[in-house]
């Protein structure tokens, strides 16, 4: 008589555990997913492709074991990241581009394995309709966000550039970020797609009434308004794009950058304003150590009769910082903010000796080592708190949240895109700025050295702009708002809930599945 273990061994594998696609077709689907996902980001900005990309990747992962999932994830990650961050090769060539894209692809390959395992374990552990149509999609969405959090925090300070929620800056779903944050929006997108996939797999169309559940979810996602914030007046802000020689390898004469900024600012002389903003890298030298440069800035502040928010590399002791400073008409700058997350291998080299031994020519180009800032991303302009983010700091939730929770009524993002002229990098960064406006319920002034620069309303609408590679100035009455959106308050809690909830669901599903064998 067969033993229970022998009976269990001969038991055919449930249909749910078999791969939905053969491996060769899954690899093609993963490549197509990465290609379409890239098109969901600027410059194409075809945001519906994000849903198609998610669906193709999930179909490729369903039923896969760890090895197959690793291959599928690697193909998806390689196609996606090599296309998305191709702008990193603009000046430094193939090696930095290949290194970043390969690292992100490798991490992605490992991080999608839990999604594949969830598809193997959870349907067997929770075979009912609620488990299939709600529990499983929720776990898949949570594990997807866990993957994004991993990429956004490791190694070093991470690279949270490719979060799914950021694809929706121009879609009706962008307002959801003001309720659940950008990570919460990523979750809802994957949850909706995974629910649709399961609805097809269980042939839900045979029960039309049951289709009301996924249909209602999609409808709610589309019609949800932005979380309300309170208008408290306006601030007249001037922002200047000098189009000077601010690239890493640009040839320049002494003081040519401030000369370009000054020339582009001249149309604003005599205009009334509360604040003048120059971009990251809008100064040639450290004004705290260059009296001549300091005098020029003081002259500019007096010509516009407003403080000048400028940015430069500054030195304090043995440390260097990427610093924004509020330069006043009396020639002082008591309020400063240092960039919180300098870019690894761009603004500093972690483990320099190790990497120098591998690529000495490239590492040798990065001479200055920026230190991570610790001061708040805020300045006070005549009683109005202004939140700051310097260049890539715009993609780090904690920087934006700290400014808003500190009382910021408007956000100013200073950036230097000169090293990425002619690429999609600036457009991607602008999309992130637009999402921050919607997520926080704040106006955003995003000013670049070389463009494109924009002023963005709290609804995400562009109210003023300057084209790339042109000098110019903006002057607008920018709406001020107060109040914390749910996305700002709950965003970090949502991230933790999804991270640990996804892993917990996976482990619990594994345990239940083993008990049901």
Protein backbone atom coordinates (compact mmCIF):
# COMPACT_ATOMS: atom_id res chain seq x y z
CA UNK A 1 0.00 0.00 0.00
CA UNK A 2 1.52 3.35 -0.98
CA UNK A 3 2.66 5.57 1.82
CA UNK A 4 1.25 9.13 2.06
CA UNK A 5 4.63 10.49 1.00
CA UNK A 6 4.71 8.25 -2.09
CA UNK A 7 1.14 9.26 -2.93
CA UNK A 8 2.15 12.88 -2.56
CA UNK A 9 5.15 12.32 -4.85
CA UNK A 10 2.98 10.81 -7.62
CA UNK A 11 0.37 13.57 -7.32
CA UNK A 12 0.44 15.64 -10.54
CA UNK A 13 1.61 19.20 -10.16
CA UNK A 14 -1.38 21.56 -9.98
CA UNK A 15 -2.04 23.52 -13.14
CA UNK A 16 -1.49 26.75 -11.21
CA UNK A 17 2.14 25.81 -10.62
CA UNK A 18 3.05 25.32 -14.27
CA UNK A 19 4.69 28.20 -16.13
CA UNK A 20 2.12 30.09 -18.14
CA UNK A 21 4.63 30.66 -20.95
CA UNK A 22 7.48 28.45 -22.18
CA UNK A 23 10.84 29.91 -21.19
CA UNK A 24 11.75 31.14 -24.68
CA UNK A 25 8.45 33.01 -24.96
CA UNK A 26 8.80 34.32 -21.39
CA UNK A 27 12.19 35.77 -22.29
CA UNK A 28 10.70 37.53 -25.32
CA UNK A 29 7.83 38.83 -23.18
CA UNK A 30 10.32 40.14 -20.61
CA UNK A 31 12.30 41.95 -23.32
CA UNK A 32 9.08 43.47 -24.71
CA UNK A 33 8.10 44.48 -21.18
CA UNK A 34 11.39 46.32 -20.65
CA UNK A 35 11.06 48.07 -24.01
CA UNK A 36 7.50 49.22 -23.36
CA UNK A 37 8.29 50.25 -19.79
CA UNK A 38 11.02 52.55 -21.08
CA UNK A 39 8.49 54.15 -23.46
CA UNK A 40 6.23 54.90 -20.48
CA UNK A 41 8.87 57.34 -19.21
CA UNK A 42 9.89 60.61 -20.95
CA UNK A 43 10.76 61.32 -23.66
CA UNK A 44 8.01 59.09 -25.20
CA UNK A 45 5.81 59.42 -22.08
CA UNK A 46 3.23 56.88 -23.26
CA UNK A 47 2.02 56.20 -19.72
CA UNK A 48 -0.47 53.37 -20.62
CA UNK A 49 2.54 51.29 -21.70
CA UNK A 50 3.44 50.98 -18.01
CA UNK A 51 0.38 48.76 -17.52
CA UNK A 52 1.19 46.66 -20.58
CA UNK A 53 4.81 46.32 -19.45
CA UNK A 54 3.76 45.15 -15.98
CA UNK A 55 1.32 42.64 -17.47
CA UNK A 56 3.93 41.12 -19.80
CA UNK A 57 6.46 40.75 -17.00
CA UNK A 58 3.93 39.12 -14.68
CA UNK A 59 2.85 36.70 -17.42
CA UNK A 60 6.50 35.77 -17.95
CA UNK A 61 6.97 35.12 -14.22
CA UNK A 62 3.83 33.10 -13.49
CA UNK A 63 4.75 29.53 -12.56
CA UNK A 64 8.50 30.05 -12.93
CA UNK A 65 10.98 28.53 -10.53
CA UNK A 66 13.82 30.66 -9.15
CA UNK A 67 16.23 29.98 -12.01
CA UNK A 68 13.76 30.83 -14.74
CA UNK A 69 12.61 33.93 -12.85
CA UNK A 70 16.23 35.05 -12.54
CA UNK A 71 16.67 34.87 -16.31
CA UNK A 72 13.36 36.61 -17.01
CA UNK A 73 14.20 39.38 -14.54
CA UNK A 74 17.67 39.83 -15.99
CA UNK A 75 16.36 40.21 -19.54
CA UNK A 76 13.66 42.65 -18.43
CA UNK A 77 16.07 44.67 -16.30
CA UNK A 78 18.77 44.81 -18.98
CA UNK A 79 16.46 46.00 -21.76
CA UNK A 80 14.70 48.49 -19.49
CA UNK A 81 17.70 50.07 -17.79
CA UNK A 82 20.02 50.13 -20.79
CA UNK A 83 17.35 52.13 -22.61
CA UNK A 84 16.18 54.29 -19.69
CA UNK A 85 19.58 55.54 -18.52
CA UNK A 86 21.35 55.68 -21.88
CA UNK A 87 21.92 59.37 -21.14
CA UNK A 88 24.70 58.37 -18.70
CA UNK A 89 26.91 57.66 -21.72
CA UNK A 90 26.57 61.22 -23.07
CA UNK A 91 30.03 62.36 -21.94
CA UNK A 92 31.75 59.54 -20.08
CA UNK A 93 31.09 56.82 -22.63
CA UNK A 94 29.94 53.23 -22.48
CA UNK A 95 31.56 52.06 -19.22
CA UNK A 96 29.47 54.11 -16.70
CA UNK A 97 26.30 53.39 -18.70
CA UNK A 98 26.99 49.67 -18.84
CA UNK A 99 28.00 49.54 -15.18
CA UNK A 100 24.86 51.28 -13.90
CA UNK A 101 22.43 49.45 -16.20
CA UNK A 102 24.04 46.06 -15.53
CA UNK A 103 23.97 46.57 -11.77
CA UNK A 104 20.29 47.61 -11.80
CA UNK A 105 19.45 44.67 -14.08
CA UNK A 106 21.25 42.21 -11.78
CA UNK A 107 19.44 43.52 -8.69
CA UNK A 108 16.14 43.38 -10.59
CA UNK A 109 16.81 39.78 -11.62
CA UNK A 110 17.20 38.71 -8.00
CA UNK A 111 14.35 40.89 -6.75
CA UNK A 112 11.70 39.44 -9.10
CA UNK A 113 12.25 35.92 -7.79
CA UNK A 114 9.90 36.53 -4.81
CA UNK A 115 7.18 37.59 -7.27
CA UNK A 116 7.55 34.30 -9.16
CA UNK A 117 7.51 32.36 -5.89
CA UNK A 118 4.36 34.18 -4.80
CA UNK A 119 2.66 32.96 -7.97
CA UNK A 120 3.73 29.41 -7.12
CA UNK A 121 2.86 29.38 -3.42
CA UNK A 122 -0.06 31.71 -2.78
CA UNK A 123 -2.67 30.16 -5.12
CA UNK A 124 -1.99 26.78 -3.54
CA UNK A 125 -2.17 28.23 -0.03
CA UNK A 126 -5.28 30.36 -0.66
CA UNK A 127 -7.18 28.73 -3.53
CA UNK A 128 -10.47 30.60 -3.00
CA UNK A 129 -11.68 33.51 -5.17
CA UNK A 130 -10.73 36.15 -2.59
CA UNK A 131 -7.21 34.78 -2.39
CA UNK A 132 -6.86 34.63 -6.17
CA UNK A 133 -8.44 37.99 -7.02
CA UNK A 134 -7.42 40.10 -4.01
CA UNK A 135 -4.78 38.43 -1.85
CA UNK A 136 -2.47 37.32 -4.65
CA UNK A 137 -2.55 40.66 -6.56
CA UNK A 138 -1.97 42.53 -3.29
CA UNK A 139 1.09 40.39 -2.51
CA UNK A 140 2.43 40.84 -6.06
CA UNK A 141 2.01 44.62 -5.82
CA UNK A 142 3.70 44.73 -2.43
CA UNK A 143 6.65 42.66 -3.64
CA UNK A 144 7.01 44.94 -6.66
CA UNK A 145 7.26 47.95 -4.33
CA UNK A 146 9.78 46.04 -2.21
CA UNK A 147 11.93 45.65 -5.33
CA UNK A 148 11.69 49.39 -6.01
CA UNK A 149 12.70 50.20 -2.43
CA UNK A 150 15.71 47.92 -2.73
CA UNK A 151 16.84 49.60 -5.95
CA UNK A 152 16.22 53.00 -4.38
CA UNK A 153 18.35 52.46 -1.31
CA UNK A 154 21.18 50.04 -2.21
CA UNK A 155 24.01 49.96 -3.02
CA UNK A 156 25.34 53.17 -1.49
CA UNK A 157 22.39 55.61 -1.58
CA UNK A 158 20.55 53.67 -4.26
CA UNK A 159 19.00 54.83 -7.53
CA UNK A 160 15.23 55.42 -7.13
CA UNK A 161 14.97 56.76 -10.69
CA UNK A 162 12.80 54.01 -12.18
CA UNK A 163 9.80 53.83 -9.87
CA UNK A 164 6.65 52.74 -11.66
CA UNK A 165 4.52 55.48 -10.10
CA UNK A 166 6.70 58.13 -11.73
CA UNK A 167 5.45 57.05 -15.19
CA UNK A 168 2.05 58.54 -14.40
CA UNK A 169 2.96 62.23 -14.12
CA UNK A 170 0.72 63.08 -17.08
CA UNK A 171 -2.01 60.50 -16.47
CA UNK A 172 -5.31 60.77 -14.53
CA UNK A 173 -3.79 58.44 -11.91
CA UNK A 174 -1.14 60.96 -10.80
CA UNK A 175 -3.50 62.40 -8.16
CA UNK A 176 -3.37 59.07 -6.30
CA UNK A 177 0.16 59.95 -5.23
CA UNK A 178 -1.27 62.70 -3.03
CA UNK A 179 -3.14 59.99 -1.09
CA UNK A 180 -0.64 57.12 -0.90
CA UNK A 181 2.67 58.52 -2.16
CA UNK A 182 4.61 57.44 -5.23
CA UNK A 183 5.27 53.94 -3.85
CA UNK A 184 1.57 53.55 -3.09
CA UNK A 185 0.79 54.49 -6.68
CA UNK A 186 3.25 51.85 -7.91
CA UNK A 187 1.43 49.31 -5.75
CA UNK A 188 -2.01 50.25 -7.08
CA UNK A 189 -0.86 49.95 -10.70
CA UNK A 190 0.60 46.48 -10.18
CA UNK A 191 -2.37 45.42 -8.03
CA UNK A 192 -4.82 46.44 -10.77
CA UNK A 193 -2.83 44.67 -13.50
CA UNK A 194 -2.35 41.51 -11.40
CA UNK A 195 -6.09 41.47 -10.59
CA UNK A 196 -6.90 41.75 -14.29
CA UNK A 197 -4.53 38.88 -15.08
CA UNK A 198 -6.14 36.68 -12.44
CA UNK A 199 -9.62 37.66 -13.62
CA UNK A 200 -8.74 36.28 -17.04
CA UNK A 201 -7.08 33.17 -15.61
CA UNK A 202 -10.13 32.22 -13.54
CA UNK A 203 -12.46 33.13 -16.43
CA UNK A 204 -14.26 35.77 -14.43
CA UNK A 205 -16.23 36.81 -17.53
CA UNK A 206 -18.42 33.77 -16.89
CA UNK A 207 -19.74 35.65 -13.84
CA UNK A 208 -20.40 39.18 -15.14
CA UNK A 209 -21.43 40.48 -11.73
CA UNK A 210 -18.03 39.59 -10.33
CA UNK A 211 -16.39 41.79 -12.99
CA UNK A 212 -17.79 44.80 -11.15
CA UNK A 213 -15.02 44.50 -8.55
CA UNK A 214 -12.01 45.10 -10.85
CA UNK A 215 -14.05 47.58 -12.90
CA UNK A 216 -14.90 49.56 -9.76
CA UNK A 217 -11.23 49.59 -8.71
CA UNK A 218 -10.14 51.04 -12.05
CA UNK A 219 -12.92 53.65 -11.95
CA UNK A 220 -11.98 54.77 -8.44
CA UNK A 221 -8.34 55.05 -9.43
CA UNK A 222 -9.24 57.29 -12.38
CA UNK A 223 -11.73 59.65 -10.69
CA UNK A 224 -10.04 60.13 -7.30
CA UNK A 225 -9.30 63.87 -6.88
CA UNK A 226 -6.08 65.21 -5.43
CA UNK A 227 -5.84 65.41 -1.65
CA UNK A 228 -6.77 69.00 -0.77
CA UNK A 229 -4.28 71.60 0.43
CA UNK A 230 -5.00 75.23 1.34
CA UNK A 231 -4.07 78.23 -0.81
CA UNK A 232 -2.45 81.01 1.26
CA UNK A 233 -1.47 83.61 -1.34
CA UNK A 234 1.28 83.90 -3.91
CA UNK A 235 5.02 84.57 -4.15
CA UNK A 236 6.46 86.38 -7.15
CA UNK A 237 9.45 84.27 -8.21
CA UNK A 238 11.97 84.92 -10.96
CA UNK A 239 13.98 81.98 -12.30
CA UNK A 240 16.90 82.30 -14.73
CA UNK A 241 18.34 79.74 -17.15
CA UNK A 242 21.70 81.15 -18.23
CA UNK A 243 22.68 78.41 -20.73
CA UNK A 244 26.31 78.95 -19.73
CA UNK A 245 29.26 76.52 -20.01
CA UNK A 246 28.31 74.41 -16.99
CA UNK A 247 29.08 70.92 -18.29
CA UNK A 248 31.88 68.89 -16.74
CA UNK A 249 34.02 69.15 -19.86
CA UNK A 250 32.82 72.51 -21.16
CA UNK A 251 35.54 74.97 -22.02
CA UNK A 252 35.09 78.16 -20.03
CA UNK A 253 36.73 81.44 -19.26
CA UNK A 254 36.95 82.68 -15.64
CA UNK A 255 33.55 83.83 -14.38
CA UNK A 256 31.84 82.86 -17.64
CA UNK A 257 29.02 81.03 -15.83
CA UNK A 258 27.96 83.98 -13.67
CA UNK A 259 28.31 86.23 -16.69
CA UNK A 260 25.83 84.04 -18.58
CA UNK A 261 23.48 84.01 -15.59
CA UNK A 262 23.75 87.77 -15.17
CA UNK A 263 23.04 88.44 -18.85
CA UNK A 264 19.94 86.24 -18.76
CA UNK A 265 18.80 87.97 -15.55
CA UNK A 266 19.00 91.51 -16.97
CA UNK A 267 15.41 91.50 -18.36
CA UNK A 268 14.22 91.10 -14.74
CA UNK A 269 16.05 94.20 -13.47
CA UNK A 270 13.48 96.67 -12.21
CA UNK A 271 10.72 94.03 -11.99
CA UNK A 272 9.05 93.39 -8.64
CA UNK A 273 9.74 89.97 -7.15
CA UNK A 274 10.07 88.21 -3.83
CA UNK A 275 12.78 85.71 -4.80
CA UNK A 276 15.25 85.22 -7.65
CA UNK A 277 16.37 81.64 -8.34
CA UNK A 278 19.47 80.51 -10.20
CA UNK A 279 20.14 76.82 -10.99
CA UNK A 280 22.55 74.31 -9.55
CA UNK A 281 26.05 75.17 -10.74
CA UNK A 282 25.02 78.74 -11.55
CA UNK A 283 28.22 80.08 -9.96
CA UNK A 284 31.78 79.43 -11.11
CA UNK A 285 33.41 79.45 -7.66
CA UNK A 286 32.67 79.43 -3.95
CA UNK A 287 31.28 82.91 -3.12
CA UNK A 288 32.23 82.45 0.55
CA UNK A 289 35.87 82.34 -0.56
CA UNK A 290 35.79 84.60 -3.64
CA UNK A 291 35.10 88.26 -2.69
CA UNK A 292 34.73 89.31 -6.32
CA UNK A 293 32.04 86.73 -7.00
CA UNK A 294 30.29 87.68 -3.77
CA UNK A 295 30.16 91.34 -4.83
CA UNK A 296 28.58 90.38 -8.16
CA UNK A 297 25.89 88.38 -6.37
CA UNK A 298 25.18 91.25 -4.01
CA UNK A 299 24.82 93.57 -7.00
CA UNK A 300 22.32 91.18 -8.63
CA UNK A 301 20.28 90.92 -5.42
CA UNK A 302 20.10 94.71 -5.19
CA UNK A 303 19.20 95.15 -8.86
CA UNK A 304 16.15 92.90 -8.43
CA UNK A 305 15.52 94.05 -4.84
CA UNK A 306 15.09 90.44 -3.69
CA UNK A 307 17.27 87.67 -2.26
CA UNK A 308 19.08 85.41 -4.73
CA UNK A 309 18.86 81.65 -4.25
CA UNK A 310 22.07 80.44 -5.90
CA UNK A 311 24.16 77.28 -5.87
CA UNK A 312 27.87 76.44 -5.98
CA UNK A 313 30.47 73.96 -4.82
CA UNK A 314 31.63 75.17 -1.40
CA UNK A 315 34.39 74.12 0.93
CA UNK A 316 34.43 73.94 4.71
CA UNK A 317 37.64 72.66 6.19
CA UNK A 318 38.59 69.48 4.37
CA UNK A 319 35.04 68.82 3.12
CA UNK A 320 33.28 69.92 -0.06
CA UNK A 321 29.54 70.41 -0.45
CA UNK A 322 27.02 71.07 -3.21
CA UNK A 323 25.42 74.10 -1.56
CA UNK A 324 22.39 76.28 -2.20
CA UNK A 325 22.49 79.65 -0.44
CA UNK A 326 20.03 82.49 0.05
CA UNK A 327 22.15 85.54 -0.84
CA UNK A 328 20.68 88.75 0.52
CA UNK A 329 20.98 92.39 -0.51
CA UNK A 330 23.42 93.11 2.30
CA UNK A 331 25.90 90.58 0.87
CA UNK A 332 25.38 87.78 3.40
CA UNK A 333 23.97 84.26 3.17
CA UNK A 334 23.05 82.92 6.58
CA UNK A 335 20.64 80.31 5.19
CA UNK A 336 22.17 77.42 3.26
CA UNK A 337 21.30 73.86 2.29
CA UNK A 338 23.77 71.15 1.23
CA UNK A 339 22.77 68.43 -1.21
CA UNK A 340 21.67 65.42 0.81
CA UNK A 341 22.51 62.67 -1.69
CA UNK A 342 25.54 63.43 -3.90
CA UNK A 343 25.58 61.09 -6.88
CA UNK A 344 27.92 58.09 -6.48
CA UNK A 345 30.58 58.08 -9.22
CA UNK A 346 29.41 61.52 -10.31
CA UNK A 347 29.95 63.76 -7.31
CA UNK A 348 31.97 61.39 -5.17
CA UNK A 349 33.55 57.95 -5.48
CA UNK A 350 32.69 55.42 -2.77
CA UNK A 351 35.49 52.92 -2.16
CA UNK A 352 37.70 55.03 -4.41
CA UNK A 353 40.83 52.86 -4.11
CA UNK A 354 38.94 49.75 -5.22
CA UNK A 355 37.37 51.34 -8.30
CA UNK A 356 40.50 53.29 -9.18
CA UNK A 357 42.35 49.99 -9.50
CA UNK A 358 39.74 48.86 -12.06
CA UNK A 359 39.18 52.00 -14.17
CA UNK A 360 41.81 54.56 -13.15
CA UNK A 361 41.23 56.89 -16.12
CA UNK A 362 37.51 57.32 -15.35
CA UNK A 363 37.85 57.54 -11.58
CA UNK A 364 40.67 60.05 -11.98
CA UNK A 365 38.28 62.44 -13.72
CA UNK A 366 36.21 62.79 -10.54
CA UNK A 367 38.55 64.97 -8.53
CA UNK A 368 36.16 66.59 -6.06
CA UNK A 369 34.56 64.50 -3.32
CA UNK A 370 31.24 65.95 -2.15
CA UNK A 371 30.09 65.27 1.40
CA UNK A 372 26.48 64.34 2.18
CA UNK A 373 24.59 67.32 3.59
CA UNK A 374 22.72 67.19 6.88
CA UNK A 375 21.02 70.60 7.14
CA UNK A 376 17.27 70.97 6.42
CA UNK A 377 16.14 71.47 2.78
CA UNK A 378 14.48 74.77 3.66
CA UNK A 379 15.05 78.50 3.48
CA UNK A 380 12.81 81.25 4.83
CA UNK A 381 12.05 84.10 2.41
CA UNK A 382 10.46 86.99 4.28
CA UNK A 383 8.43 84.62 6.44
CA UNK A 384 7.58 82.11 3.70
CA UNK A 385 9.24 78.68 4.00
CA UNK A 386 10.61 77.43 0.68
CA UNK A 387 11.44 73.73 0.28
CA UNK A 388 14.55 72.77 -1.69
CA UNK A 389 15.94 69.83 -3.61
CA UNK A 390 19.21 69.98 -5.53
CA UNK A 391 19.20 68.05 -8.84
CA UNK A 392 18.82 64.28 -8.25
CA UNK A 393 17.65 64.86 -4.67
CA UNK A 394 14.21 65.32 -6.25
CA UNK A 395 13.87 61.52 -6.47
CA UNK A 396 14.45 60.92 -2.74
CA UNK A 397 11.18 60.96 -0.78
CA UNK A 398 12.81 61.90 2.52
CA UNK A 399 14.22 65.17 1.15
CA UNK A 400 10.85 66.30 -0.21
CA UNK A 401 8.99 65.13 2.88
CA UNK A 402 11.36 66.93 5.25
CA UNK A 403 10.83 70.20 3.41
CA UNK A 404 7.04 69.88 3.40
CA UNK A 405 6.86 68.82 7.03
CA UNK A 406 9.10 71.80 7.83
CA UNK A 407 6.35 74.08 6.52
CA UNK A 408 7.38 74.63 2.88
CA UNK A 409 4.64 76.44 0.96
CA UNK A 410 6.42 76.13 -2.40
CA UNK A 411 9.18 73.85 -3.72
CA UNK A 412 12.25 74.99 -5.66
CA UNK A 413 14.38 72.42 -7.49
CA UNK A 414 17.77 73.60 -8.81
CA UNK A 415 19.52 71.40 -11.35
CA UNK A 416 22.34 71.32 -13.87
CA UNK A 417 21.59 69.16 -16.91
CA UNK A 418 24.53 70.38 -19.01
CA UNK A 419 26.24 66.98 -18.97
CA UNK A 420 23.12 65.41 -20.53
CA UNK A 421 22.31 67.85 -23.33
CA UNK A 422 20.24 66.29 -26.08
CA UNK A 423 19.08 63.32 -23.99
CA UNK A 424 15.89 62.37 -22.12
CA UNK A 425 17.47 62.93 -18.68
CA UNK A 426 16.06 66.44 -18.30
CA UNK A 427 12.59 65.34 -19.41
CA UNK A 428 12.59 62.46 -16.95
CA UNK A 429 13.64 64.78 -14.15
CA UNK A 430 10.89 67.24 -15.06
CA UNK A 431 8.35 64.43 -14.87
CA UNK A 432 9.56 63.64 -11.35
CA UNK A 433 9.23 67.33 -10.45
CA UNK A 434 5.65 67.32 -11.76
CA UNK A 435 4.83 64.25 -9.66
CA UNK A 436 6.25 66.00 -6.59
CA UNK A 437 3.93 68.95 -7.20
CA UNK A 438 0.90 66.67 -7.35
CA UNK A 439 2.02 64.45 -4.47
CA UNK A 440 2.65 67.37 -2.08
CA UNK A 441 -0.01 69.81 -3.29
CA UNK A 442 2.68 72.47 -3.84
CA UNK A 443 3.82 74.65 -6.71
CA UNK A 444 7.24 73.70 -8.07
CA UNK A 445 9.91 75.89 -9.65
CA UNK A 446 12.33 73.62 -11.53
CA UNK A 447 15.23 75.67 -12.88
CA UNK A 448 18.11 74.26 -14.94
CA UNK A 449 21.36 75.76 -16.22
CA UNK A 450 20.60 74.71 -19.79
CA UNK A 451 16.93 73.65 -19.70
CA UNK A 452 14.31 72.70 -19.99
CA UNK A 453 13.06 74.75 -17.01
CA UNK A 454 9.45 74.96 -15.82
CA UNK A 455 7.12 76.39 -13.23
CA UNK A 456 4.48 73.83 -12.27
CA UNK A 457 1.19 74.33 -10.43
CA UNK A 458 0.04 72.07 -7.56
CA UNK A 459 -2.17 70.23 -10.04
CA UNK A 460 0.85 69.36 -12.20
CA UNK A 461 0.08 71.88 -14.94
CA UNK A 462 3.03 73.73 -16.46
CA UNK A 463 2.42 77.46 -16.03
CA UNK A 464 5.68 78.76 -17.56
CA UNK A 465 8.65 77.19 -19.30
CA UNK A 466 11.95 77.78 -21.06
CA UNK A 467 13.17 75.58 -23.90
CA UNK A 468 16.43 73.66 -23.66
CA UNK A 469 19.69 75.23 -24.82
CA UNK A 470 18.33 78.77 -24.67
CA UNK A 471 19.05 81.53 -22.18
CA UNK A 472 15.98 83.10 -20.62
CA UNK A 473 14.10 84.15 -17.52
CA UNK A 474 10.73 83.33 -15.98
CA UNK A 475 8.74 85.61 -13.68
CA UNK A 476 5.46 84.36 -12.25
CA UNK A 477 3.13 84.76 -9.28
CA UNK A 478 3.48 81.27 -7.87
CA UNK A 479 0.67 79.92 -5.69
CA UNK A 480 1.55 79.16 -2.08
CA UNK A 481 -0.17 76.35 -0.18
CA UNK A 482 -0.16 74.83 3.28
CA UNK A 483 -1.33 71.52 4.69
CA UNK A 484 0.08 68.02 4.50
CA UNK A 485 -1.31 65.59 1.96
CA UNK A 486 -1.99 62.00 2.97
CA UNK A 487 0.76 61.00 0.53
CA UNK A 488 3.32 62.99 2.51
CA UNK A 489 2.11 61.83 5.94
CA UNK A 490 1.35 58.20 5.11
CA UNK A 491 3.91 57.65 2.34
CA UNK A 492 6.71 56.19 4.53
CA UNK A 493 4.22 54.05 6.47
CA UNK A 494 2.76 52.75 3.21
CA UNK A 495 6.26 51.81 2.06
CA UNK A 496 7.01 49.88 5.24
CA UNK A 497 3.62 48.17 5.21
CA UNK A 498 4.11 47.04 1.63
CA UNK A 499 7.74 45.98 2.12
CA UNK A 500 7.16 43.83 5.18
CA UNK A 501 3.60 42.87 4.25
CA UNK A 502 4.75 41.48 0.91
CA UNK A 503 7.56 39.46 2.47
CA UNK A 504 5.28 38.29 5.27
CA UNK A 505 2.60 37.17 2.81
CA UNK A 506 5.22 35.27 0.81
CA UNK A 507 6.52 33.43 3.87
CA UNK A 508 3.02 32.69 5.14
CA UNK A 509 2.02 31.43 1.71
CA UNK A 510 5.07 29.14 1.63
CA UNK A 511 4.16 27.75 5.05
CA UNK A 512 0.50 27.21 4.14
CA UNK A 513 1.41 25.66 0.80
CA UNK A 514 3.69 23.13 2.49
CA UNK A 515 0.94 22.18 4.92
CA UNK A 516 -1.45 21.57 2.04
CA UNK A 517 0.90 19.19 0.20
